[in-house]
Amino acid sequence: MTFPTLVAPPFQRYPNQTNQRICLAEFQLWTDLYIDDLGVACGNFVTVTESGAKAVPMSVAAAAYGQPTLAFSGGASDFTVNGGTGGSFTQTGTVTDFTPGP
């Protein structure tokens, strides 16, 4: 089964290993939490059906685990605005909208 809207493509080796290119739709990180069984918790992040997978709203995981330390979502213009409790985030690279988009 594939997760087209959530899983970044396999990492490829680039000449500049400090500049890995990844595609993210949404990102949440809890620094004080360990989710023991992602199989059980998976429904807080994604809905899986026979036709594929779709992200659930980030508020579902926040309701289950509390507000994340880092929470990023949206397009390139606002992706680096941290919606979590960890304070502001400094962008150090280029953020672009993914084509063709969700």
C-alpha atoms as a PDB file:
ATOM      1  CA  MET A   1       0.000   0.000   0.000  1.00  0.00           C
ATOM      2  CA  THR A   2       1.299   3.478  -0.790  1.00  0.00           C
ATOM      3  CA  PHE A   3       0.816   6.760   1.041  1.00  0.00           C
ATOM      4  CA  PRO A   4       1.014   9.301  -1.790  1.00  0.00           C
ATOM      5  CA  THR A   5       0.245  12.451   0.194  1.00  0.00           C
ATOM      6  CA  LEU A   6       2.386  11.695   3.255  1.00  0.00           C
ATOM      7  CA  VAL A   7       5.509   9.755   2.410  1.00  0.00           C
ATOM      8  CA  ALA A   8       8.436  11.550   0.817  1.00  0.00           C
ATOM      9  CA  PRO A   9       9.952   9.844  -2.204  1.00  0.00           C
ATOM     10  CA  PRO A  10      12.902   7.568  -1.450  1.00  0.00           C
ATOM     11  CA  PHE A  11      15.966   9.609  -0.561  1.00  0.00           C
ATOM     12  CA  GLN A  12      18.391   9.907  -3.405  1.00  0.00           C
ATOM     13  CA  ARG A  13      22.056  10.715  -3.137  1.00  0.00           C
ATOM     14  CA  TYR A  14      22.885  14.216  -4.215  1.00  0.00           C
ATOM     15  CA  PRO A  15      26.373  15.679  -4.679  1.00  0.00           C
ATOM     16  CA  ASN A  16      25.722  18.067  -1.772  1.00  0.00           C
ATOM     17  CA  GLN A  17      24.670  15.720   1.037  1.00  0.00           C
ATOM     18  CA  THR A  18      23.874  18.641   3.348  1.00  0.00           C
ATOM     19  CA  ASN A  19      21.088  19.767   1.013  1.00  0.00           C
ATOM     20  CA  GLN A  20      18.709  16.804   0.868  1.00  0.00           C
ATOM     21  CA  ARG A  21      15.543  17.444  -1.107  1.00  0.00           C
ATOM     22  CA  ILE A  22      12.328  16.135   0.390  1.00  0.00           C
ATOM     23  CA  CYS A  23       8.632  16.689  -0.230  1.00  0.00           C
ATOM     24  CA  LEU A  24       6.376  17.283   2.764  1.00  0.00           C
ATOM     25  CA  ALA A  25       2.658  17.887   2.856  1.00  0.00           C
ATOM     26  CA  GLU A  26       2.466  18.323   6.623  1.00  0.00           C
ATOM     27  CA  PHE A  27       4.919  17.859   9.449  1.00  0.00           C
ATOM     28  CA  GLN A  28       4.276  17.406  13.170  1.00  0.00           C
ATOM     29  CA  LEU A  29       6.847  16.684  15.886  1.00  0.00           C
ATOM     30  CA  TRP A  30       6.409  16.104  19.598  1.00  0.00           C
ATOM     31  CA  THR A  31       9.705  16.336  21.493  1.00  0.00           C
ATOM     32  CA  ASP A  32       8.278  14.983  24.743  1.00  0.00           C
ATOM     33  CA  LEU A  33       6.249  12.076  23.373  1.00  0.00           C
ATOM     34  CA  TYR A  34       6.947   8.537  22.240  1.00  0.00           C
ATOM     35  CA  ILE A  35       4.173   6.881  20.241  1.00  0.00           C
ATOM     36  CA  ASP A  36       4.674   3.224  21.108  1.00  0.00           C
ATOM     37  CA  ASP A  37       2.508   1.601  18.444  1.00  0.00           C
ATOM     38  CA  LEU A  38       2.147   3.587  15.254  1.00  0.00           C
ATOM     39  CA  GLY A  39      -0.134   0.851  13.896  1.00  0.00           C
ATOM     40  CA  VAL A  40      -2.742   1.767  16.500  1.00  0.00           C
ATOM     41  CA  ALA A  41      -2.012   5.505  16.323  1.00  0.00           C
ATOM     42  CA  CYS A  42      -1.939   5.657  12.522  1.00  0.00           C
ATOM     43  CA  GLY A  43      -5.569   6.786  12.368  1.00  0.00           C
ATOM     44  CA  ASN A  44      -4.577  10.016  14.104  1.00  0.00           C
ATOM     45  CA  PHE A  45      -2.469  10.922  11.071  1.00  0.00           C
ATOM     46  CA  VAL A  46      -3.898   9.170   8.009  1.00  0.00           C
ATOM     47  CA  THR A  47      -7.035   7.425   6.787  1.00  0.00           C
ATOM     48  CA  VAL A  48      -6.232   4.332   4.739  1.00  0.00           C
ATOM     49  CA  THR A  49      -8.690   2.871   2.243  1.00  0.00           C
ATOM     50  CA  GLU A  50      -8.481   0.445  -0.641  1.00  0.00           C
ATOM     51  CA  SER A  51      -7.929   3.367  -3.032  1.00  0.00           C
ATOM     52  CA  GLY A  52      -5.024   4.855  -1.057  1.00  0.00           C
ATOM     53  CA  ALA A  53      -4.328   7.089   1.902  1.00  0.00           C
ATOM     54  CA  LYS A  54      -5.357  10.590   2.842  1.00  0.00           C
ATOM     55  CA  ALA A  55      -4.092  12.819   5.611  1.00  0.00           C
ATOM     56  CA  VAL A  56      -6.528  13.643   8.390  1.00  0.00           C
ATOM     57  CA  PRO A  57      -6.576  17.197   9.778  1.00  0.00           C
ATOM     58  CA  MET A  58      -3.586  17.940  12.044  1.00  0.00           C
ATOM     59  CA  SER A  59      -6.059  18.804  14.796  1.00  0.00           C
ATOM     60  CA  VAL A  60      -6.906  15.079  15.178  1.00  0.00           C
ATOM     61  CA  ALA A  61      -3.371  14.222  16.336  1.00  0.00           C
ATOM     62  CA  ALA A  62      -3.240  17.372  18.482  1.00  0.00           C
ATOM     63  CA  ALA A  63      -6.451  16.281  20.233  1.00  0.00           C
ATOM     64  CA  ALA A  64      -4.961  12.834  20.903  1.00  0.00           C
ATOM     65  CA  TYR A  65      -1.424  13.839  21.945  1.00  0.00           C
ATOM     66  CA  GLY A  66      -1.518  17.541  22.786  1.00  0.00           C
ATOM     67  CA  GLN A  67      -0.151  20.422  20.760  1.00  0.00           C
ATOM     68  CA  PRO A  68       3.031  19.404  18.884  1.00  0.00           C
ATOM     69  CA  THR A  69       6.327  21.220  19.391  1.00  0.00           C
ATOM     70  CA  LEU A  70       6.669  21.734  15.644  1.00  0.00           C
ATOM     71  CA  ALA A  71       3.739  21.850  13.213  1.00  0.00           C
ATOM     72  CA  PHE A  72       4.183  22.878   9.590  1.00  0.00           C
ATOM     73  CA  SER A  73       1.627  22.770   6.781  1.00  0.00           C
ATOM     74  CA  GLY A  74       0.402  24.763   3.813  1.00  0.00           C
ATOM     75  CA  GLY A  75       2.086  26.190   0.779  1.00  0.00           C
ATOM     76  CA  ALA A  76       5.587  27.583   0.373  1.00  0.00           C
ATOM     77  CA  SER A  77       4.624  31.066   1.542  1.00  0.00           C
ATOM     78  CA  ASP A  78       3.519  29.932   5.009  1.00  0.00           C
ATOM     79  CA  PHE A  79       4.992  26.444   5.467  1.00  0.00           C
ATOM     80  CA  THR A  80       7.821  27.723   7.689  1.00  0.00           C
ATOM     81  CA  VAL A  81       5.419  29.329  10.191  1.00  0.00           C
ATOM     82  CA  ASN A  82       5.456  27.039  13.212  1.00  0.00           C
ATOM     83  CA  GLY A  83       1.919  26.233  14.346  1.00  0.00           C
ATOM     84  CA  GLY A  84       3.260  24.291  17.331  1.00  0.00           C
ATOM     85  CA  THR A  85       4.446  25.320  20.778  1.00  0.00           C
ATOM     86  CA  GLY A  86       8.165  25.431  19.953  1.00  0.00           C
ATOM     87  CA  GLY A  87       8.372  29.077  18.963  1.00  0.00           C
ATOM     88  CA  SER A  88       9.451  30.652  15.723  1.00  0.00           C
ATOM     89  CA  PHE A  89      11.333  28.780  13.035  1.00  0.00           C
ATOM     90  CA  THR A  90      14.151  30.184  10.900  1.00  0.00           C
ATOM     91  CA  GLN A  91      14.111  29.147   7.268  1.00  0.00           C
ATOM     92  CA  THR A  92      17.614  28.391   5.996  1.00  0.00           C
ATOM     93  CA  GLY A  93      16.847  27.001   2.543  1.00  0.00           C
ATOM     94  CA  THR A  94      14.394  27.378  -0.275  1.00  0.00           C
ATOM     95  CA  VAL A  95      10.805  26.246   0.171  1.00  0.00           C
ATOM     96  CA  THR A  96       8.781  25.788  -3.010  1.00  0.00           C
ATOM     97  CA  ASP A  97       5.321  24.474  -3.728  1.00  0.00           C
ATOM     98  CA  PHE A  98       5.306  20.897  -4.923  1.00  0.00           C
ATOM     99  CA  THR A  99       4.178  20.314  -8.472  1.00  0.00           C
ATOM    100  CA  PRO A 100       1.628  18.974  -9.365  1.00  0.00           C
ATOM    101  CA  GLY A 101       0.367  19.489  -5.808  1.00  0.00           C
ATOM    102  CA  PRO A 102      -2.132  17.473  -3.819  1.00  0.00           C
END
